[in-house]
Amino acid sequence: MTNLWEKYAKVLVEYSTKVKKGELTVISASSPQATPLIKEIYKLVLQKGAYPVIRCGLEGITETYLKYATDEQLSYIDPMLQIEYEKAQNFISLGAPFNTKSLTKADSKKLAKRSATTKSLSELMLSRAAKGELKWVIANFPTHALAQEGKMSLDDYTDFLIHACYLHLDNPVEKWIEIDEKQKKIAEFLNTVEKIHIIGEDTDITFGVKGRKWKSCAGECNFPDGEIYTSPVEDDVNGEIYFDFPQIYRGNEANEVHLTVENGKVTKVKAEKGEDYVISMFDMDEGSRGIGEIAIGTNEMIQEVTGNILFDEKIGGSIHMAIGASYPETGGKNVSGLHWDMIKNMKNGGQIYADNKLIYENGKFII
């Protein structure tokens, strides 16, 4: 009988990244807690005739680095890491944190500087992905830290993850293909649209999307998945938007975030909690006040905020807007070391108009 980790690995290797013989495949994990899943992925990659490379983090290493690294060291990129980003055909990245709050007290200026340094790697990965030169997927392994962040027991969190990924089904890939087919129909319609208008609590904002490509996400880059997204025209986003869900980035939390956007740039920031942190991230680099993404969450198996963006941005009945880097594959041109997905509940009267036609209301598409 196939165990859970074998099934999980099979989806990530055969469906999400479609690993083929001879491909350099980097398997990275934030901690050794993901070992059961790492081993199954490693075994399957070998069975495909590919070349697996494992990178595994250690508890406390990132905190130590940020505490003691000089500006010169923060600006340095490991040449071995550079080679991986230039040569690998597949990246499978597993989150398995010991502590989701480990960077809460980290120097935000150092965090911003390091993000600015690694921006070139992110750009390279996104560019190569857009050209079809590499495939990547981000997934999670259930840990006590993630369970605690989601206010659940480890058993309950594991069950939540299994269902959010449809791993409880005999054939989860079949389900993700079905979801993708439905979402692609909506994306095809949105590809004919020039303007998106979102209205909700303290929210009235428009996004120019003419010539941009909407994409369906169904387990190929994120797992779990469930969203339809694009990158708006860089200078054609205007209005205000209020994010009622907690907004978490690198272990730091901001609450009740209200943004004003003018001609594609965030010009005003208000937050009940974490305002200084938000502003420090938004001031990271030249592109970090741009709008990189607008997306609609569709995963009905995810209904509550867990404090983990991989899940939270997919909440059925939500939208999210990313501040910072956009996606080249959608036509986006904004470049930044930041990509902060901020999530908004749309079930409380939220509406989305496409070229003045109501297409979404109270968390549901009506087309």
Protein backbone atom coordinates (compact mmCIF):
# COMPACT_ATOMS: atom_id res chain seq x y z
CA MET A 1 0.00 0.00 0.00
CA THR A 2 1.31 3.42 -0.95
CA ASN A 3 2.00 5.53 2.12
CA LEU A 4 1.22 9.24 2.37
CA TRP A 5 4.78 10.41 1.68
CA GLU A 6 5.10 8.17 -1.38
CA LYS A 7 1.87 9.61 -2.75
CA TYR A 8 2.97 13.17 -1.91
CA ALA A 9 6.35 12.61 -3.60
CA LYS A 10 4.71 11.10 -6.67
CA VAL A 11 2.55 14.21 -7.16
CA LEU A 12 5.52 16.60 -6.73
CA VAL A 13 7.87 14.65 -9.00
CA GLU A 14 5.54 13.29 -11.69
CA TYR A 15 2.85 15.99 -11.85
CA SER A 16 4.19 19.28 -10.48
CA THR A 17 7.71 19.18 -11.95
CA LYS A 18 7.46 16.23 -14.38
CA VAL A 19 11.04 15.20 -13.69
CA LYS A 20 12.72 13.51 -16.66
CA LYS A 21 15.84 11.42 -17.16
CA GLY A 22 19.06 13.42 -17.04
CA GLU A 23 17.59 16.50 -15.34
CA LEU A 24 19.38 18.20 -12.45
CA THR A 25 16.80 18.31 -9.67
CA VAL A 26 17.39 20.35 -6.51
CA ILE A 27 15.44 19.13 -3.48
CA SER A 28 15.61 21.77 -0.76
CA ALA A 29 14.08 21.64 2.69
CA SER A 30 14.06 24.24 5.44
CA SER A 31 14.82 21.58 8.06
CA PRO A 32 15.47 17.84 8.51
CA GLN A 33 11.92 17.44 9.85
CA ALA A 34 10.88 16.81 6.25
CA THR A 35 13.18 13.78 5.98
CA PRO A 36 10.42 11.20 5.34
CA LEU A 37 9.21 13.19 2.33
CA ILE A 38 12.73 14.14 1.18
CA LYS A 39 13.70 10.45 1.03
CA GLU A 40 10.66 9.52 -1.05
CA ILE A 41 11.27 12.41 -3.48
CA TYR A 42 14.98 11.52 -3.68
CA LYS A 43 14.17 7.87 -4.42
CA LEU A 44 11.65 8.72 -7.11
CA VAL A 45 13.97 11.26 -8.79
CA LEU A 46 16.65 8.56 -8.95
CA GLN A 47 14.15 6.10 -10.40
CA LYS A 48 13.39 8.65 -13.13
CA GLY A 49 17.07 8.63 -14.10
CA ALA A 50 17.53 12.24 -13.02
CA TYR A 51 20.25 13.76 -10.81
CA PRO A 52 19.02 14.80 -7.34
CA VAL A 53 20.84 17.33 -5.18
CA ILE A 54 19.71 17.86 -1.59
CA ARG A 55 19.94 21.15 0.30
CA CYS A 56 18.67 20.99 3.87
CA GLY A 57 18.61 23.83 6.37
CA LEU A 58 19.45 23.58 10.06
CA GLU A 59 17.57 25.08 12.97
CA GLY A 60 18.83 28.55 13.85
CA ILE A 61 21.22 28.96 10.91
CA THR A 62 19.29 31.78 9.23
CA GLU A 63 18.95 33.66 12.52
CA THR A 64 22.70 33.30 13.15
CA TYR A 65 23.47 34.55 9.64
CA LEU A 66 21.27 37.63 9.97
CA LYS A 67 22.69 38.42 13.41
CA TYR A 68 26.38 38.24 12.51
CA ALA A 69 26.66 38.80 8.74
CA THR A 70 28.32 42.04 7.66
CA ASP A 71 27.01 44.19 4.79
CA GLU A 72 29.68 42.62 2.60
CA GLN A 73 28.52 39.11 3.53
CA LEU A 74 24.86 40.05 3.04
CA SER A 75 25.78 41.12 -0.50
CA TYR A 76 27.51 37.83 -1.32
CA ILE A 77 25.93 35.04 -3.37
CA ASP A 78 27.29 31.52 -2.96
CA PRO A 79 28.68 30.57 -6.41
CA MET A 80 27.47 26.98 -5.96
CA LEU A 81 23.94 28.31 -5.42
CA GLN A 82 24.34 30.51 -8.50
CA ILE A 83 25.22 27.45 -10.58
CA GLU A 84 22.12 25.62 -9.38
CA TYR A 85 19.90 28.49 -10.44
CA GLU A 86 21.63 28.59 -13.83
CA LYS A 87 21.70 24.85 -14.51
CA ALA A 88 18.94 23.01 -12.61
CA GLN A 89 15.87 21.87 -14.54
CA ASN A 90 13.78 21.29 -11.41
CA PHE A 91 13.46 22.84 -7.95
CA ILE A 92 11.37 21.07 -5.31
CA SER A 93 11.27 23.21 -2.17
CA LEU A 94 9.84 21.95 1.13
CA GLY A 95 8.91 24.13 4.08
CA ALA A 96 9.28 22.35 7.41
CA PRO A 97 9.97 25.04 10.05
CA PHE A 98 10.86 24.44 13.67
CA ASN A 99 9.71 27.95 14.52
CA THR A 100 7.60 30.21 12.31
CA LYS A 101 8.51 33.25 14.45
CA SER A 102 12.29 32.79 14.35
CA LEU A 103 12.84 35.94 12.26
CA THR A 104 10.44 38.19 14.17
CA LYS A 105 13.29 39.98 15.96
CA ALA A 106 15.67 39.94 13.00
CA ASP A 107 16.97 43.26 11.73
CA SER A 108 14.48 44.30 9.03
CA LYS A 109 17.18 46.32 7.24
CA LYS A 110 19.39 43.24 7.03
CA LEU A 111 16.43 41.20 5.79
CA ALA A 112 15.74 43.81 3.13
CA LYS A 113 19.42 43.95 2.09
CA ARG A 114 19.65 40.18 1.78
CA SER A 115 16.44 40.07 -0.26
CA ALA A 116 17.84 42.73 -2.56
CA THR A 117 20.99 40.62 -2.99
CA THR A 118 19.12 37.42 -3.86
CA LYS A 119 16.77 39.28 -6.19
CA SER A 120 18.96 38.29 -9.13
CA LEU A 121 18.45 34.61 -8.31
CA SER A 122 14.68 35.03 -8.12
CA GLU A 123 14.71 36.90 -11.43
CA LEU A 124 16.80 34.16 -13.03
CA MET A 125 14.47 31.44 -11.79
CA LEU A 126 11.32 33.23 -12.96
CA SER A 127 12.91 34.07 -16.31
CA ARG A 128 14.04 30.49 -16.94
CA ALA A 129 10.63 29.19 -15.85
CA ALA A 130 8.90 31.57 -18.27
CA LYS A 131 11.10 30.19 -21.07
CA GLY A 132 10.28 26.61 -20.09
CA GLU A 133 13.86 25.89 -19.04
CA LEU A 134 13.00 24.86 -15.49
CA LYS A 135 10.06 23.77 -13.36
CA TRP A 136 9.63 24.54 -9.67
CA VAL A 137 7.23 23.69 -6.89
CA ILE A 138 6.90 24.81 -3.28
CA ALA A 139 5.26 22.46 -0.78
CA ASN A 140 5.09 21.94 2.99
CA PHE A 141 5.73 19.13 5.40
CA PRO A 142 3.54 19.21 8.53
CA THR A 143 5.44 20.27 11.64
CA HIS A 144 4.48 21.31 15.16
CA ALA A 145 5.38 24.91 14.31
CA LEU A 146 3.02 25.03 11.33
CA ALA A 147 0.30 23.33 13.38
CA GLN A 148 0.73 25.80 16.22
CA GLU A 149 0.64 28.75 13.80
CA GLY A 150 -2.62 27.36 12.41
CA LYS A 151 -3.96 26.84 15.96
CA MET A 152 -4.27 23.09 15.48
CA SER A 153 -2.81 19.89 16.85
CA LEU A 154 -0.20 18.20 14.64
CA ASP A 155 -2.68 15.45 13.75
CA ASP A 156 -5.36 17.98 12.82
CA TYR A 157 -2.88 20.05 10.81
CA THR A 158 -1.63 16.99 8.95
CA ASP A 159 -5.21 16.09 8.11
CA PHE A 160 -5.82 19.68 6.97
CA LEU A 161 -2.74 19.56 4.71
CA ILE A 162 -3.76 16.20 3.25
CA HIS A 163 -7.22 17.48 2.33
CA ALA A 164 -5.97 20.85 1.04
CA CYS A 165 -3.68 18.91 -1.32
CA TYR A 166 -6.39 16.33 -2.13
CA LEU A 167 -3.95 13.64 -1.00
CA HIS A 168 -6.86 11.86 0.70
CA LEU A 169 -8.07 10.85 -2.76
CA ASP A 170 -6.86 7.72 -4.52
CA ASN A 171 -5.79 9.85 -7.49
CA PRO A 172 -5.05 13.44 -6.41
CA VAL A 173 -3.56 14.29 -9.82
CA GLU A 174 -6.87 13.53 -11.50
CA LYS A 175 -8.56 16.03 -9.14
CA TRP A 176 -5.96 18.74 -9.86
CA ILE A 177 -6.39 18.25 -13.59
CA GLU A 178 -10.16 18.67 -13.15
CA ILE A 179 -9.61 21.89 -11.14
CA ASP A 180 -7.21 23.18 -13.79
CA GLU A 181 -9.73 22.61 -16.58
CA LYS A 182 -12.38 24.66 -14.75
CA GLN A 183 -9.95 27.45 -13.90
CA LYS A 184 -8.54 27.65 -17.42
CA LYS A 185 -12.02 28.47 -18.75
CA ILE A 186 -12.20 31.44 -16.37
CA ALA A 187 -8.63 32.46 -17.25
CA GLU A 188 -9.49 32.35 -20.97
CA PHE A 189 -12.39 34.73 -20.35
CA LEU A 190 -10.22 37.06 -18.26
CA ASN A 191 -7.64 37.13 -21.05
CA THR A 192 -10.19 39.12 -23.10
CA VAL A 193 -10.61 41.74 -20.36
CA GLU A 194 -8.87 45.14 -20.11
CA LYS A 195 -9.85 46.31 -16.61
CA ILE A 196 -10.55 44.57 -13.29
CA HIS A 197 -12.43 46.48 -10.60
CA ILE A 198 -12.54 45.14 -7.04
CA ILE A 199 -14.98 46.51 -4.46
CA GLY A 200 -15.27 45.52 -0.82
CA GLU A 201 -14.82 46.70 2.74
CA ASP A 202 -12.73 49.90 2.57
CA THR A 203 -11.75 48.76 -0.91
CA ASP A 204 -12.24 50.29 -4.34
CA ILE A 205 -9.37 49.53 -6.69
CA THR A 206 -8.86 48.98 -10.41
CA PHE A 207 -6.21 46.97 -12.26
CA GLY A 208 -5.32 47.40 -15.91
CA VAL A 209 -4.80 43.92 -17.38
CA LYS A 210 -4.89 44.58 -21.13
CA GLY A 211 -2.42 42.31 -22.89
CA ARG A 212 -1.59 40.41 -19.70
CA LYS A 213 -2.00 36.64 -19.44
CA TRP A 214 -4.14 35.08 -16.71
CA LYS A 215 -2.97 31.69 -15.52
CA SER A 216 -4.61 28.81 -13.70
CA CYS A 217 -2.66 27.36 -10.78
CA ALA A 218 -3.47 23.75 -10.04
CA GLY A 219 -0.51 22.18 -8.24
CA GLU A 220 2.33 22.77 -10.66
CA CYS A 221 4.22 25.53 -8.83
CA ASN A 222 2.54 25.53 -5.42
CA PHE A 223 1.21 22.51 -3.56
CA PRO A 224 -1.48 22.83 -2.40
CA ASP A 225 -2.79 25.21 -5.01
CA GLY A 226 -5.97 26.81 -6.25
CA GLU A 227 -5.81 30.29 -7.72
CA ILE A 228 -6.13 32.27 -10.94
CA TYR A 229 -3.65 35.11 -11.27
CA THR A 230 -1.99 37.70 -13.47
CA SER A 231 0.43 40.61 -13.21
CA PRO A 232 -1.35 43.94 -13.84
CA VAL A 233 -0.04 46.66 -16.12
CA GLU A 234 2.66 48.36 -14.07
CA ASP A 235 1.36 51.94 -14.15
CA ASP A 236 -2.35 51.11 -14.27
CA VAL A 237 -3.37 50.21 -10.71
CA ASN A 238 -5.30 52.83 -8.78
CA GLY A 239 -7.41 52.97 -5.63
CA GLU A 240 -7.44 51.70 -2.08
CA ILE A 241 -7.56 48.20 -0.64
CA TYR A 242 -8.03 46.89 2.90
CA PHE A 243 -6.67 43.50 3.97
CA ASP A 244 -8.68 42.11 6.86
CA PHE A 245 -6.74 38.85 7.25
CA PRO A 246 -3.41 38.86 9.15
CA GLN A 247 -0.56 39.50 6.68
CA ILE A 248 2.55 37.46 7.46
CA TYR A 249 5.92 37.77 5.75
CA ARG A 250 9.06 36.01 6.96
CA GLY A 251 7.56 35.38 10.37
CA ASN A 252 6.51 38.98 10.93
CA GLU A 253 2.83 39.86 11.12
CA ALA A 254 0.91 42.96 10.14
CA ASN A 255 -2.79 43.43 10.86
CA GLU A 256 -5.52 45.54 9.29
CA VAL A 257 -3.33 46.76 6.46
CA HIS A 258 -4.78 49.52 4.31
CA LEU A 259 -2.95 50.57 1.14
CA THR A 260 -3.44 53.41 -1.31
CA VAL A 261 -2.11 52.77 -4.80
CA GLU A 262 -1.56 55.47 -7.41
CA ASN A 263 -0.45 54.69 -10.96
CA GLY A 264 0.82 51.29 -9.89
CA LYS A 265 2.79 52.36 -6.80
CA VAL A 266 1.86 52.07 -3.13
CA THR A 267 1.78 55.67 -1.89
CA LYS A 268 0.19 55.29 1.55
CA VAL A 269 0.43 52.54 4.16
CA LYS A 270 -1.64 52.13 7.29
CA ALA A 271 -1.63 49.13 9.60
CA GLU A 272 -3.03 48.51 13.07
CA LYS A 273 0.00 46.33 13.80
CA GLY A 274 3.38 46.03 12.07
CA GLU A 275 3.21 49.25 10.07
CA ASP A 276 6.92 50.02 10.43
CA TYR A 277 7.83 46.53 9.22
CA VAL A 278 5.51 46.83 6.21
CA ILE A 279 7.06 50.14 5.23
CA SER A 280 10.61 48.79 5.62
CA MET A 281 9.79 45.92 3.26
CA PHE A 282 8.06 48.24 0.79
CA ASP A 283 11.17 50.45 0.76
CA MET A 284 13.45 47.50 -0.01
CA ASP A 285 14.32 48.50 -3.57
CA GLU A 286 13.13 50.49 -6.57
CA GLY A 287 10.38 48.02 -7.48
CA SER A 288 9.13 47.07 -4.03
CA ARG A 289 6.19 49.49 -4.04
CA GLY A 290 4.94 48.18 -7.37
CA ILE A 291 2.04 45.74 -7.76
CA GLY A 292 3.30 42.39 -8.97
CA GLU A 293 0.17 40.25 -8.94
CA ILE A 294 -3.58 40.18 -8.53
CA ALA A 295 -5.12 36.76 -7.88
CA ILE A 296 -8.32 34.98 -6.87
CA GLY A 297 -8.13 32.07 -4.40
CA THR A 298 -10.23 29.02 -5.28
CA ASN A 299 -9.32 26.15 -2.92
CA GLU A 300 -12.55 25.35 -1.08
CA MET A 301 -10.70 22.89 1.18
CA ILE A 302 -8.92 25.89 2.74
CA GLN A 303 -11.26 28.18 4.65
CA GLU A 304 -9.26 29.56 7.57
CA VAL A 305 -6.08 31.58 7.90
CA THR A 306 -3.26 29.32 9.10
CA GLY A 307 -0.46 31.89 9.09
CA ASN A 308 1.16 30.12 6.13
CA ILE A 309 0.97 32.03 2.85
CA LEU A 310 1.25 28.85 0.77
CA PHE A 311 -2.19 27.89 2.08
CA ASP A 312 -3.71 31.25 2.99
CA GLU A 313 -3.42 32.82 -0.47
CA LYS A 314 -5.44 29.89 -1.86
CA ILE A 315 -8.41 30.34 0.51
CA GLY A 316 -11.61 29.79 -1.42
CA GLY A 317 -13.48 33.10 -1.41
CA SER A 318 -10.41 35.33 -1.07
CA ILE A 319 -8.23 37.47 -3.29
CA HIS A 320 -4.62 38.47 -2.85
CA MET A 321 -2.49 41.26 -4.21
CA ALA A 322 1.29 40.94 -4.25
CA ILE A 323 3.44 43.97 -3.66
CA GLY A 324 6.78 43.75 -5.44
CA ALA A 325 7.97 41.39 -8.15
CA SER A 326 5.66 40.36 -10.97
CA TYR A 327 5.66 37.21 -13.09
CA PRO A 328 7.32 37.35 -16.54
CA GLU A 329 5.12 34.50 -17.81
CA THR A 330 2.05 36.72 -17.41
CA GLY A 331 3.72 39.67 -19.12
CA GLY A 332 4.72 41.35 -15.84
CA LYS A 333 7.75 43.63 -15.88
CA ASN A 334 8.10 44.82 -12.28
CA VAL A 335 11.36 43.67 -10.69
CA SER A 336 11.95 43.52 -6.93
CA GLY A 337 13.42 41.40 -4.17
CA LEU A 338 9.99 41.61 -2.52
CA HIS A 339 6.90 39.58 -3.37
CA TRP A 340 4.48 39.92 -0.46
CA ASP A 341 1.08 38.35 -1.08
CA MET A 342 -1.54 40.20 0.94
CA ILE A 343 -4.87 38.43 1.37
CA LYS A 344 -8.40 39.81 1.54
CA ASN A 345 -11.64 38.02 2.42
CA MET A 346 -14.29 38.50 -0.29
CA LYS A 347 -17.15 36.53 1.29
CA ASN A 348 -18.48 39.58 3.11
CA GLY A 349 -19.97 41.38 0.12
CA GLY A 350 -16.85 41.61 -2.04
CA GLN A 351 -17.36 42.06 -5.77
CA ILE A 352 -15.18 41.80 -8.87
CA TYR A 353 -16.08 43.47 -12.14
CA ALA A 354 -14.42 42.68 -15.47
CA ASP A 355 -14.86 45.56 -17.94
CA ASN A 356 -17.85 46.70 -15.86
CA LYS A 357 -19.46 43.23 -15.84
CA LEU A 358 -20.04 41.64 -12.41
CA ILE A 359 -18.26 38.26 -12.50
CA TYR A 360 -17.68 37.46 -8.82
CA GLU A 361 -19.65 38.14 -5.66
CA ASN A 362 -19.41 37.03 -2.01
CA GLY A 363 -16.49 34.71 -2.71
CA LYS A 364 -17.91 32.98 -5.80
CA PHE A 365 -17.59 33.33 -9.55
CA ILE A 366 -20.98 33.97 -11.17
CA ILE A 367 -19.89 33.41 -14.77
